[in-house]
C-alpha atoms as a PDB file:
ATOM      1  CA  UNK A   1     113.183  67.957  90.995  1.00  0.00           C
ATOM      2  CA  UNK A   2     114.254  68.909  94.552  1.00  0.00           C
ATOM      3  CA  UNK A   3     113.250  72.003  96.525  1.00  0.00           C
ATOM      4  CA  UNK A   4     116.604  73.623  95.872  1.00  0.00           C
ATOM      5  CA  UNK A   5     117.187  72.494  92.255  1.00  0.00           C
ATOM      6  CA  UNK A   6     117.669  75.409  89.863  1.00  0.00           C
ATOM      7  CA  UNK A   7     116.144  75.540  86.403  1.00  0.00           C
ATOM      8  CA  UNK A   8     118.440  74.470  83.625  1.00  0.00           C
ATOM      9  CA  UNK A   9     120.252  77.389  81.907  1.00  0.00           C
ATOM     10  CA  UNK A  10     118.620  78.484  78.685  1.00  0.00           C
ATOM     11  CA  UNK A  11     115.185  77.069  79.419  1.00  0.00           C
ATOM     12  CA  UNK A  12     112.478  79.575  78.627  1.00  0.00           C
ATOM     13  CA  UNK A  13     113.014  83.286  77.924  1.00  0.00           C
ATOM     14  CA  UNK A  14     112.113  86.642  79.442  1.00  0.00           C
ATOM     15  CA  UNK A  15     112.971  88.040  82.861  1.00  0.00           C
ATOM     16  CA  UNK A  16     111.681  90.933  84.907  1.00  0.00           C
ATOM     17  CA  UNK A  17     113.814  93.448  86.812  1.00  0.00           C
ATOM     18  CA  UNK A  18     114.193  91.044  89.766  1.00  0.00           C
ATOM     19  CA  UNK A  19     115.598  88.257  87.575  1.00  0.00           C
ATOM     20  CA  UNK A  20     112.333  86.270  87.688  1.00  0.00           C
ATOM     21  CA  UNK A  21     111.199  84.348  84.595  1.00  0.00           C
ATOM     22  CA  UNK A  22     108.029  85.691  83.015  1.00  0.00           C
ATOM     23  CA  UNK A  23     107.297  82.925  80.446  1.00  0.00           C
ATOM     24  CA  UNK A  24     104.502  80.868  81.965  1.00  0.00           C
ATOM     25  CA  UNK A  25     100.726  80.780  82.290  1.00  0.00           C
ATOM     26  CA  UNK A  26     101.289  82.067  85.838  1.00  0.00           C
ATOM     27  CA  UNK A  27     103.133  85.231  86.773  1.00  0.00           C
ATOM     28  CA  UNK A  28     105.768  85.427  89.497  1.00  0.00           C
ATOM     29  CA  UNK A  29     103.238  87.476  91.508  1.00  0.00           C
ATOM     30  CA  UNK A  30     100.850  84.522  91.501  1.00  0.00           C
ATOM     31  CA  UNK A  31     103.465  82.369  93.239  1.00  0.00           C
ATOM     32  CA  UNK A  32     104.310  85.199  95.645  1.00  0.00           C
ATOM     33  CA  UNK A  33     100.669  85.764  96.505  1.00  0.00           C
ATOM     34  CA  UNK A  34     100.167  82.069  97.122  1.00  0.00           C
ATOM     35  CA  UNK A  35     103.342  81.936  99.245  1.00  0.00           C
ATOM     36  CA  UNK A  36     102.177  84.928 101.241  1.00  0.00           C
ATOM     37  CA  UNK A  37      98.812  83.294 101.893  1.00  0.00           C
ATOM     38  CA  UNK A  38     100.560  80.158 103.150  1.00  0.00           C
ATOM     39  CA  UNK A  39     102.912  82.197 105.324  1.00  0.00           C
ATOM     40  CA  UNK A  40      99.962  83.972 106.955  1.00  0.00           C
ATOM     41  CA  UNK A  41      97.912  80.805 107.431  1.00  0.00           C
ATOM     42  CA  UNK A  42     100.592  78.319 108.433  1.00  0.00           C
ATOM     43  CA  UNK A  43     103.914  80.045 109.007  1.00  0.00           C
ATOM     44  CA  UNK A  44     107.160  79.755 107.087  1.00  0.00           C
ATOM     45  CA  UNK A  45     107.197  75.938 107.259  1.00  0.00           C
ATOM     46  CA  UNK A  46     103.968  75.880 105.222  1.00  0.00           C
ATOM     47  CA  UNK A  47     105.619  77.685 102.292  1.00  0.00           C
ATOM     48  CA  UNK A  48     106.809  74.727 100.225  1.00  0.00           C
ATOM     49  CA  UNK A  49     106.957  74.281  96.449  1.00  0.00           C
ATOM     50  CA  UNK A  50     104.747  71.201  96.237  1.00  0.00           C
ATOM     51  CA  UNK A  51     101.844  72.568  98.260  1.00  0.00           C
ATOM     52  CA  UNK A  52     102.103  75.910  96.438  1.00  0.00           C
ATOM     53  CA  UNK A  53     101.871  74.135  93.071  1.00  0.00           C
ATOM     54  CA  UNK A  54      98.822  72.267  94.335  1.00  0.00           C
ATOM     55  CA  UNK A  55      97.245  75.535  95.501  1.00  0.00           C
ATOM     56  CA  UNK A  56      97.816  77.017  92.047  1.00  0.00           C
ATOM     57  CA  UNK A  57      96.786  73.795  90.242  1.00  0.00           C
ATOM     58  CA  UNK A  58     100.042  73.510  88.296  1.00  0.00           C
ATOM     59  CA  UNK A  59     102.961  71.100  88.291  1.00  0.00           C
ATOM     60  CA  UNK A  60     105.977  71.602  90.522  1.00  0.00           C
ATOM     61  CA  UNK A  61     108.056  72.131  87.367  1.00  0.00           C
ATOM     62  CA  UNK A  62     106.123  75.314  86.631  1.00  0.00           C
ATOM     63  CA  UNK A  63     107.696  76.912  89.713  1.00  0.00           C
ATOM     64  CA  UNK A  64     111.144  76.788  88.154  1.00  0.00           C
ATOM     65  CA  UNK A  65     110.142  79.018  85.264  1.00  0.00           C
ATOM     66  CA  UNK A  66     110.100  81.866  87.765  1.00  0.00           C
ATOM     67  CA  UNK A  67     112.334  81.026  90.716  1.00  0.00           C
ATOM     68  CA  UNK A  68     115.666  79.242  91.086  1.00  0.00           C
ATOM     69  CA  UNK A  69     114.566  77.442  94.262  1.00  0.00           C
ATOM     70  CA  UNK A  70     112.519  77.865  97.437  1.00  0.00           C
ATOM     71  CA  UNK A  71     115.105  80.224  98.935  1.00  0.00           C
ATOM     72  CA  UNK A  72     114.836  82.512  95.926  1.00  0.00           C
ATOM     73  CA  UNK A  73     111.045  82.602  96.399  1.00  0.00           C
ATOM     74  CA  UNK A  74     111.406  83.445 100.090  1.00  0.00           C
ATOM     75  CA  UNK A  75     113.979  86.162  99.452  1.00  0.00           C
ATOM     76  CA  UNK A  76     111.729  87.700  96.848  1.00  0.00           C
ATOM     77  CA  UNK A  77     108.702  87.513  99.151  1.00  0.00           C
ATOM     78  CA  UNK A  78     110.657  89.265 101.900  1.00  0.00           C
ATOM     79  CA  UNK A  79     111.947  91.935  99.519  1.00  0.00           C
ATOM     80  CA  UNK A  80     108.422  92.550  98.229  1.00  0.00           C
ATOM     81  CA  UNK A  81     107.098  93.084 101.764  1.00  0.00           C
ATOM     82  CA  UNK A  82     109.921  95.524 102.494  1.00  0.00           C
ATOM     83  CA  UNK A  83     109.322  97.465  99.273  1.00  0.00           C
ATOM     84  CA  UNK A  84     105.567  97.631  99.874  1.00  0.00           C
ATOM     85  CA  UNK A  85     106.157  98.945 103.387  1.00  0.00           C
ATOM     86  CA  UNK A  86     108.462 101.642 102.048  1.00  0.00           C
ATOM     87  CA  UNK A  87     105.888 102.707  99.479  1.00  0.00           C
ATOM     88  CA  UNK A  88     103.044 102.839 102.017  1.00  0.00           C
ATOM     89  CA  UNK A  89     104.888 104.934 104.562  1.00  0.00           C
ATOM     90  CA  UNK A  90     106.622 107.154 102.045  1.00  0.00           C
ATOM     91  CA  UNK A  91     103.224 108.307 100.812  1.00  0.00           C
ATOM     92  CA  UNK A  92     102.337 109.598 104.281  1.00  0.00           C
ATOM     93  CA  UNK A  93     104.710 112.525 104.422  1.00  0.00           C
ATOM     94  CA  UNK A  94     105.830 115.567 102.501  1.00  0.00           C
ATOM     95  CA  UNK A  95     105.483 116.824  98.990  1.00  0.00           C
ATOM     96  CA  UNK A  96     101.903 118.142  99.058  1.00  0.00           C
ATOM     97  CA  UNK A  97     101.925 120.833 101.772  1.00  0.00           C
ATOM     98  CA  UNK A  98     100.223 118.542 104.263  1.00  0.00           C
ATOM     99  CA  UNK A  99     100.290 119.470 107.931  1.00  0.00           C
ATOM    100  CA  UNK A 100     101.484 117.170 110.662  1.00  0.00           C
ATOM    101  CA  UNK A 101      97.883 116.390 111.526  1.00  0.00           C
ATOM    102  CA  UNK A 102      97.069 115.645 107.872  1.00  0.00           C
ATOM    103  CA  UNK A 103      99.953 113.190 107.793  1.00  0.00           C
ATOM    104  CA  UNK A 104      99.034 111.597 111.137  1.00  0.00           C
ATOM    105  CA  UNK A 105      95.466 111.062 109.983  1.00  0.00           C
ATOM    106  CA  UNK A 106      96.827 109.316 106.887  1.00  0.00           C
ATOM    107  CA  UNK A 107      98.826 107.059 109.187  1.00  0.00           C
ATOM    108  CA  UNK A 108      95.758 106.345 111.277  1.00  0.00           C
ATOM    109  CA  UNK A 109      93.747 105.351 108.221  1.00  0.00           C
ATOM    110  CA  UNK A 110      96.598 103.219 106.873  1.00  0.00           C
ATOM    111  CA  UNK A 111      96.434 101.162 110.057  1.00  0.00           C
ATOM    112  CA  UNK A 112      92.693 101.238 110.724  1.00  0.00           C
ATOM    113  CA  UNK A 113      91.359 100.751 107.187  1.00  0.00           C
ATOM    114  CA  UNK A 114      93.622  97.730 106.582  1.00  0.00           C
ATOM    115  CA  UNK A 115      93.143  98.031 102.818  1.00  0.00           C
ATOM    116  CA  UNK A 116      96.907  98.042 102.166  1.00  0.00           C
ATOM    117  CA  UNK A 117      98.355  97.283 105.574  1.00  0.00           C
ATOM    118  CA  UNK A 118      97.721  93.638 106.572  1.00  0.00           C
ATOM    119  CA  UNK A 119      98.056  92.904 110.315  1.00  0.00           C
ATOM    120  CA  UNK A 120      98.060  89.144 109.755  1.00  0.00           C
ATOM    121  CA  UNK A 121     100.983  89.447 107.343  1.00  0.00           C
ATOM    122  CA  UNK A 122     102.827  91.674 109.835  1.00  0.00           C
ATOM    123  CA  UNK A 123     102.441  89.028 112.525  1.00  0.00           C
ATOM    124  CA  UNK A 124     103.559  86.311 110.136  1.00  0.00           C
ATOM    125  CA  UNK A 125     106.664  88.278 109.193  1.00  0.00           C
ATOM    126  CA  UNK A 126     107.582  88.743 112.833  1.00  0.00           C
ATOM    127  CA  UNK A 127     107.069  85.016 113.510  1.00  0.00           C
ATOM    128  CA  UNK A 128     109.288  84.212 110.527  1.00  0.00           C
ATOM    129  CA  UNK A 129     111.924  86.644 111.834  1.00  0.00           C
ATOM    130  CA  UNK A 130     112.209  84.566 115.020  1.00  0.00           C
ATOM    131  CA  UNK A 131     113.532  81.669 112.928  1.00  0.00           C
ATOM    132  CA  UNK A 132     116.034  83.562 110.770  1.00  0.00           C
ATOM    133  CA  UNK A 133     118.662  86.189 111.557  1.00  0.00           C
ATOM    134  CA  UNK A 134     118.523  87.461 107.973  1.00  0.00           C
ATOM    135  CA  UNK A 135     114.750  87.950 108.124  1.00  0.00           C
ATOM    136  CA  UNK A 136     115.037  89.487 111.584  1.00  0.00           C
ATOM    137  CA  UNK A 137     117.490  92.052 110.170  1.00  0.00           C
ATOM    138  CA  UNK A 138     115.025  93.013 107.423  1.00  0.00           C
ATOM    139  CA  UNK A 139     112.135  93.320 109.885  1.00  0.00           C
ATOM    140  CA  UNK A 140     114.272  95.529 112.130  1.00  0.00           C
ATOM    141  CA  UNK A 141     115.201  97.696 109.152  1.00  0.00           C
ATOM    142  CA  UNK A 142     111.517  98.050 108.203  1.00  0.00           C
ATOM    143  CA  UNK A 143     110.617  98.983 111.801  1.00  0.00           C
ATOM    144  CA  UNK A 144     113.372 101.623 111.921  1.00  0.00           C
ATOM    145  CA  UNK A 145     112.333 103.089 108.562  1.00  0.00           C
ATOM    146  CA  UNK A 146     108.684 103.308 109.668  1.00  0.00           C
ATOM    147  CA  UNK A 147     109.656 105.003 112.916  1.00  0.00           C
ATOM    148  CA  UNK A 148     111.751 107.470 110.917  1.00  0.00           C
ATOM    149  CA  UNK A 149     108.740 108.340 108.751  1.00  0.00           C
ATOM    150  CA  UNK A 150     106.505 108.770 111.813  1.00  0.00           C
ATOM    151  CA  UNK A 151     109.185 110.962 113.387  1.00  0.00           C
ATOM    152  CA  UNK A 152     108.971 113.212 110.317  1.00  0.00           C
ATOM    153  CA  UNK A 153     105.243 113.563 111.015  1.00  0.00           C
ATOM    154  CA  UNK A 154     105.940 114.751 114.561  1.00  0.00           C
ATOM    155  CA  UNK A 155     108.629 117.119 113.268  1.00  0.00           C
ATOM    156  CA  UNK A 156     105.929 118.581 111.012  1.00  0.00           C
ATOM    157  CA  UNK A 157     103.828 119.116 114.154  1.00  0.00           C
ATOM    158  CA  UNK A 158     106.695 121.314 115.384  1.00  0.00           C
ATOM    159  CA  UNK A 159     108.215 118.999 117.985  1.00  0.00           C
ATOM    160  CA  UNK A 160     111.967 118.960 118.479  1.00  0.00           C
ATOM    161  CA  UNK A 161     114.173 116.049 117.334  1.00  0.00           C
ATOM    162  CA  UNK A 162     114.221 114.135 120.591  1.00  0.00           C
ATOM    163  CA  UNK A 163     110.512 114.489 121.365  1.00  0.00           C
ATOM    164  CA  UNK A 164     109.535 113.694 117.766  1.00  0.00           C
ATOM    165  CA  UNK A 165     111.611 110.506 117.948  1.00  0.00           C
ATOM    166  CA  UNK A 166     110.111 109.373 121.240  1.00  0.00           C
ATOM    167  CA  UNK A 167     106.538 110.144 120.158  1.00  0.00           C
ATOM    168  CA  UNK A 168     107.198 108.220 116.930  1.00  0.00           C
ATOM    169  CA  UNK A 169     108.434 105.224 118.907  1.00  0.00           C
ATOM    170  CA  UNK A 170     105.491 105.317 121.294  1.00  0.00           C
ATOM    171  CA  UNK A 171     103.037 105.567 118.404  1.00  0.00           C
ATOM    172  CA  UNK A 172     104.636 102.700 116.502  1.00  0.00           C
ATOM    173  CA  UNK A 173     105.153 100.441 119.495  1.00  0.00           C
ATOM    174  CA  UNK A 174     101.549 101.019 120.502  1.00  0.00           C
ATOM    175  CA  UNK A 175     100.315  99.851 117.095  1.00  0.00           C
ATOM    176  CA  UNK A 176     102.659  96.865 116.880  1.00  0.00           C
ATOM    177  CA  UNK A 177     101.538  95.841 120.371  1.00  0.00           C
ATOM    178  CA  UNK A 178      97.884  96.149 119.370  1.00  0.00           C
ATOM    179  CA  UNK A 179      98.420  93.659 116.548  1.00  0.00           C
ATOM    180  CA  UNK A 180     100.821  91.415 118.471  1.00  0.00           C
ATOM    181  CA  UNK A 181      98.436  90.669 121.314  1.00  0.00           C
ATOM    182  CA  UNK A 182      95.532  90.253 118.885  1.00  0.00           C
ATOM    183  CA  UNK A 183      93.233  92.532 120.848  1.00  0.00           C
ATOM    184  CA  UNK A 184      89.621  91.700 120.009  1.00  0.00           C
ATOM    185  CA  UNK A 185      87.769  94.955 119.361  1.00  0.00           C
ATOM    186  CA  UNK A 186      85.061  95.856 116.886  1.00  0.00           C
ATOM    187  CA  UNK A 187      85.784  98.486 114.265  1.00  0.00           C
ATOM    188  CA  UNK A 188      82.999 100.669 115.694  1.00  0.00           C
ATOM    189  CA  UNK A 189      84.534 100.543 119.155  1.00  0.00           C
ATOM    190  CA  UNK A 190      87.982 101.312 117.748  1.00  0.00           C
ATOM    191  CA  UNK A 191      86.694 104.277 115.751  1.00  0.00           C
ATOM    192  CA  UNK A 192      84.829 105.638 118.774  1.00  0.00           C
ATOM    193  CA  UNK A 193      88.102 105.739 120.744  1.00  0.00           C
ATOM    194  CA  UNK A 194      90.208 107.020 117.862  1.00  0.00           C
ATOM    195  CA  UNK A 195      90.021 110.762 118.675  1.00  0.00           C
ATOM    196  CA  UNK A 196      91.235 110.108 122.205  1.00  0.00           C
ATOM    197  CA  UNK A 197      94.064 107.897 120.920  1.00  0.00           C
ATOM    198  CA  UNK A 198      95.155 110.600 118.457  1.00  0.00           C
ATOM    199  CA  UNK A 199      94.952 113.268 121.164  1.00  0.00           C
ATOM    200  CA  UNK A 200      97.058 111.240 123.579  1.00  0.00           C
ATOM    201  CA  UNK A 201      99.637 110.206 120.981  1.00  0.00           C
ATOM    202  CA  UNK A 202     100.022 113.585 119.274  1.00  0.00           C
ATOM    203  CA  UNK A 203      99.240 116.026 122.086  1.00  0.00           C
ATOM    204  CA  UNK A 204      97.371 118.090 119.500  1.00  0.00           C
ATOM    205  CA  UNK A 205      93.794 119.422 119.638  1.00  0.00           C
ATOM    206  CA  UNK A 206      91.026 118.101 121.880  1.00  0.00           C
ATOM    207  CA  UNK A 207      89.281 114.770 121.302  1.00  0.00           C
ATOM    208  CA  UNK A 208      86.150 116.747 120.362  1.00  0.00           C
ATOM    209  CA  UNK A 209      87.989 118.693 117.656  1.00  0.00           C
ATOM    210  CA  UNK A 210      89.699 115.562 116.409  1.00  0.00           C
ATOM    211  CA  UNK A 211      86.395 113.713 116.126  1.00  0.00           C
ATOM    212  CA  UNK A 212      85.384 116.132 113.394  1.00  0.00           C
ATOM    213  CA  UNK A 213      88.800 115.906 111.741  1.00  0.00           C
ATOM    214  CA  UNK A 214      88.841 112.107 111.649  1.00  0.00           C
END
């Protein structure tokens, strides 16, 4: 069966809301997780059906219970990343009476803790975007949405529209640049500098006051 061959109509039963087949020992998420690991480790060219099946210790045919072809897998992987980004950043703002500083500290921990936000995946997505206009458009949309959320944080600080937008851009570009250049810094060193970073980026409180807050 070729990389692009679709599963025969009527084979198997059961679909989730994304149109992925759910009848198999493996779930669609298992294939997506394996594809994401290959994307991070080897780039988009490493995400192939045969190697993925080998990673998961199943036959190539098992893939077609869940995905029409490799392109369907890649589209779903990209959509999952976009949806996860939306969920992460949407949780930062509004709805619970949080102050701008509360929200900004949440943003800081999202990036620094790296429990949900994965820098290696971010870099892999940007590398992939360089090879595909469609992927590049999604990455740009994600960037713009994230900046919009960060702008809302600065609006909650009390900044005007223009200044909130520029501060949001500077904050986001700073973080993207940190990951892009792969700056080698221990977590202890990063945490020690964090109050000064937050002070410079937000213009709020002194580093000494922020040290207690963070």
